[in-house]
Amino acid sequence: MAMRPTFSTPRQFALALGSVLALAGCSAARPNPTPIDYQGLGSGSAGDASITSRLGGADSGVIFGVTKGNDKGGNGNGSGAGIGVNAYLWRGALDTLSFMPLTSIDPFGGVIITDWYTPPDTNGERFKATAYVLTRDLRSDGVRVVFFRQVLQNGQWVDSAVAPSTNNQIEDKVLAKARQLREQAVGNPNG
């Protein structure tokens, strides 16, 4: 005979249901084995301002494309109705990093995390990337890409430096793809 829990109030039932859902959500989370350098995201006060605005600025309160302000989504900035960041930058980042296996994507927060990728012609070296779309506008400083590199030494993967130009080159590719997507959308207003 199975025991059934009894709830004397709807509040107790809601609390129990919320607890079960919270625990179920935690079981699907996987930690990122590589620490992310959040200090490197901002470049001076402009970078810090974009991160601060993401935490509670004018564009906070965007949930499923519904804003709390005057922006109704039809302002032509490519923000789209279903994501919290610029749609062209987001799609450009996804397309640019599509050769690597994706671990996590968050279109509301604008974060793409890849898994380790070993190029076919390389032995003993692997790469991982994290891309951040920092704005709802199509701007050159609206995307930040951070690459991580490891080399195989004595059977162990060891962190290694990435050329500083690598991150900038990938960011430029993301921006070029975003511009191309915007030009295609402007040239074809129906899709």
Protein backbone atom coordinates (compact mmCIF):
# COMPACT_ATOMS: atom_id res chain seq x y z
CA MET A 1 0.00 0.00 0.00
CA ALA A 2 1.50 3.33 -1.10
CA MET A 3 1.46 6.29 1.23
CA ARG A 4 -0.02 9.51 -0.10
CA PRO A 5 1.14 12.79 1.33
CA THR A 6 -1.61 14.97 2.68
CA PHE A 7 -1.53 18.73 2.39
CA SER A 8 -3.69 20.79 4.68
CA THR A 9 -3.35 23.97 2.61
CA PRO A 10 -2.79 24.80 -1.06
CA ARG A 11 0.32 26.68 0.03
CA GLN A 12 1.91 23.49 1.38
CA PHE A 13 1.12 21.74 -1.91
CA ALA A 14 2.65 24.58 -3.94
CA LEU A 15 5.75 24.57 -1.74
CA ALA A 16 6.18 20.81 -2.14
CA LEU A 17 5.67 21.02 -5.92
CA GLY A 18 8.17 23.88 -6.19
CA SER A 19 10.75 21.92 -4.21
CA VAL A 20 10.39 18.89 -6.45
CA LEU A 21 10.73 21.01 -9.61
CA ALA A 22 13.80 22.81 -8.22
CA LEU A 23 15.50 19.51 -7.42
CA ALA A 24 14.64 18.11 -10.83
CA GLY A 25 16.18 21.17 -12.50
CA CYS A 26 19.41 20.77 -10.55
CA SER A 27 19.92 17.20 -11.71
CA ALA A 28 20.31 18.30 -15.35
CA ALA A 29 23.04 20.90 -14.64
CA ARG A 30 26.60 20.02 -15.62
CA PRO A 31 29.53 22.06 -14.33
CA ASN A 32 31.92 23.70 -16.77
CA PRO A 33 35.37 22.16 -16.16
CA THR A 34 37.15 25.28 -17.42
CA PRO A 35 36.87 28.45 -15.36
CA ILE A 36 35.63 31.45 -17.31
CA ASP A 37 37.58 34.68 -16.97
CA TYR A 38 34.79 37.20 -16.36
CA GLN A 39 37.40 39.90 -15.76
CA GLY A 40 38.40 39.75 -19.43
CA LEU A 41 34.89 40.48 -20.70
CA GLY A 42 34.89 44.23 -20.26
CA SER A 43 37.31 46.54 -21.99
CA GLY A 44 37.33 49.61 -19.82
CA SER A 45 34.20 51.41 -18.75
CA ALA A 46 32.23 50.61 -21.93
CA GLY A 47 32.60 46.86 -21.36
CA ASP A 48 31.73 47.20 -17.69
CA ALA A 49 28.65 49.26 -18.56
CA SER A 50 27.40 46.60 -20.96
CA ILE A 51 27.75 43.90 -18.32
CA THR A 52 26.06 46.11 -15.71
CA SER A 53 23.19 46.83 -18.08
CA ARG A 54 22.71 43.09 -18.54
CA LEU A 55 22.23 42.77 -14.80
CA GLY A 56 19.50 45.34 -14.39
CA GLY A 57 19.64 48.10 -16.95
CA ALA A 58 17.01 49.28 -19.40
CA ASP A 59 16.79 45.90 -21.11
CA SER A 60 16.23 43.93 -17.92
CA GLY A 61 12.83 42.35 -17.58
CA VAL A 62 12.89 40.76 -21.02
CA ILE A 63 11.12 37.45 -20.72
CA PHE A 64 10.12 35.50 -23.81
CA GLY A 65 10.31 38.66 -25.90
CA VAL A 66 7.96 40.70 -23.67
CA THR A 67 9.63 43.86 -22.41
CA LYS A 68 8.77 46.11 -19.51
CA GLY A 69 9.73 49.26 -21.41
CA ASN A 70 8.71 50.96 -24.64
CA ASP A 71 10.61 48.56 -26.92
CA LYS A 72 8.07 46.29 -28.59
CA GLY A 73 10.62 44.26 -30.53
CA GLY A 74 9.94 45.89 -33.89
CA ASN A 75 12.70 48.46 -33.73
CA GLY A 76 14.82 46.88 -36.44
CA ASN A 77 17.79 46.13 -34.20
CA GLY A 78 17.55 42.38 -34.78
CA SER A 79 16.66 41.67 -31.16
CA GLY A 80 13.94 39.26 -32.21
CA ALA A 81 10.93 38.29 -30.17
CA GLY A 82 12.29 35.10 -28.66
CA ILE A 83 15.77 35.95 -27.39
CA GLY A 84 17.21 38.55 -25.04
CA VAL A 85 20.17 39.58 -27.23
CA ASN A 86 20.73 40.76 -30.80
CA ALA A 87 19.49 38.02 -33.12
CA TYR A 88 22.09 38.70 -35.83
CA LEU A 89 25.01 38.55 -33.39
CA TRP A 90 23.52 35.45 -31.78
CA ARG A 91 23.08 33.63 -35.08
CA GLY A 92 26.49 34.82 -36.28
CA ALA A 93 28.13 33.39 -33.16
CA LEU A 94 26.27 30.08 -33.52
CA ASP A 95 27.20 29.78 -37.20
CA THR A 96 30.83 30.71 -36.59
CA LEU A 97 31.28 28.18 -33.77
CA SER A 98 29.20 25.46 -35.44
CA PHE A 99 32.30 23.38 -36.25
CA MET A 100 32.73 22.74 -32.51
CA PRO A 101 30.34 20.59 -30.43
CA LEU A 102 28.04 22.76 -28.33
CA THR A 103 27.75 22.11 -24.59
CA SER A 104 25.40 24.90 -23.55
CA ILE A 105 23.49 27.71 -25.23
CA ASP A 106 21.52 30.43 -23.47
CA PRO A 107 19.77 32.76 -25.94
CA PHE A 108 18.27 34.85 -23.13
CA GLY A 109 21.62 35.50 -21.45
CA GLY A 110 23.60 35.44 -24.69
CA VAL A 111 26.10 32.72 -23.77
CA ILE A 112 27.36 29.89 -25.99
CA ILE A 113 29.73 27.30 -24.52
CA THR A 114 31.38 24.64 -26.66
CA ASP A 115 32.88 21.33 -25.70
CA TRP A 116 36.52 20.47 -26.36
CA TYR A 117 37.33 20.19 -30.05
CA THR A 118 40.41 18.60 -31.60
CA PRO A 119 41.06 19.69 -35.20
CA PRO A 120 41.35 16.69 -37.57
CA ASP A 121 44.93 17.50 -38.63
CA THR A 122 46.19 18.14 -35.10
CA ASN A 123 47.31 15.62 -32.50
CA GLY A 124 47.72 16.46 -28.84
CA GLU A 125 45.93 19.80 -28.93
CA ARG A 126 42.31 20.76 -28.28
CA PHE A 127 40.25 23.93 -28.07
CA LYS A 128 37.15 25.15 -26.30
CA ALA A 129 35.28 28.44 -26.73
CA THR A 130 32.80 30.59 -24.89
CA ALA A 131 30.96 33.35 -26.75
CA TYR A 132 29.09 36.18 -25.06
CA VAL A 133 26.58 38.36 -26.91
CA LEU A 134 26.59 41.47 -24.74
CA THR A 135 23.97 43.72 -26.30
CA ARG A 136 20.61 43.88 -28.03
CA ASP A 137 22.11 46.17 -30.69
CA LEU A 138 24.20 45.15 -33.69
CA ARG A 139 27.47 46.75 -32.58
CA SER A 140 31.11 45.84 -33.02
CA ASP A 141 31.61 45.60 -29.26
CA GLY A 142 28.47 43.51 -28.80
CA VAL A 143 30.19 40.14 -28.88
CA ARG A 144 33.10 38.68 -26.92
CA VAL A 145 34.70 35.30 -27.70
CA VAL A 146 37.15 33.58 -25.35
CA PHE A 147 39.13 30.54 -26.54
CA PHE A 148 40.82 28.00 -24.27
CA ARG A 149 43.60 25.66 -25.40
CA GLN A 150 45.03 22.50 -23.91
CA VAL A 151 47.96 20.37 -25.04
CA LEU A 152 48.62 16.74 -24.25
CA GLN A 153 51.76 16.29 -22.12
CA ASN A 154 52.68 12.93 -20.60
CA GLY A 155 49.11 11.68 -21.01
CA GLN A 156 47.57 14.70 -19.25
CA TRP A 157 45.75 17.68 -20.74
CA VAL A 158 47.54 20.86 -19.66
CA ASP A 159 46.22 24.40 -20.12
CA SER A 160 48.19 26.39 -22.64
CA ALA A 161 48.13 29.98 -23.86
CA VAL A 162 46.02 31.03 -26.81
CA ALA A 163 47.36 33.62 -29.22
CA PRO A 164 45.72 36.97 -28.32
CA SER A 165 44.73 37.52 -31.94
CA THR A 166 42.67 34.30 -32.02
CA ASN A 167 39.80 35.72 -29.97
CA ASN A 168 39.75 38.90 -32.08
CA GLN A 169 39.77 36.93 -35.35
CA ILE A 170 36.79 34.84 -34.28
CA GLU A 171 34.93 37.95 -33.05
CA ASP A 172 35.53 39.54 -36.48
CA LYS A 173 34.09 36.43 -38.16
CA VAL A 174 31.02 36.59 -35.92
CA LEU A 175 30.53 40.28 -36.77
CA ALA A 176 30.95 39.62 -40.51
CA LYS A 177 28.38 36.83 -40.37
CA ALA A 178 25.99 39.04 -38.37
CA ARG A 179 26.31 41.83 -40.96
CA GLN A 180 25.68 39.33 -43.75
CA LEU A 181 22.57 38.01 -42.00
CA ARG A 182 21.27 41.55 -41.48
CA GLU A 183 21.85 42.44 -45.13
CA GLN A 184 19.94 39.32 -46.18
CA ALA A 185 17.07 40.18 -43.85
CA VAL A 186 16.88 43.80 -45.03
CA GLY A 187 17.03 42.68 -48.66
CA ASN A 188 14.25 40.13 -48.05
CA PRO A 189 11.71 41.62 -45.58
CA ASN A 190 9.60 38.45 -45.58
CA GLY A 191 12.25 36.20 -44.18
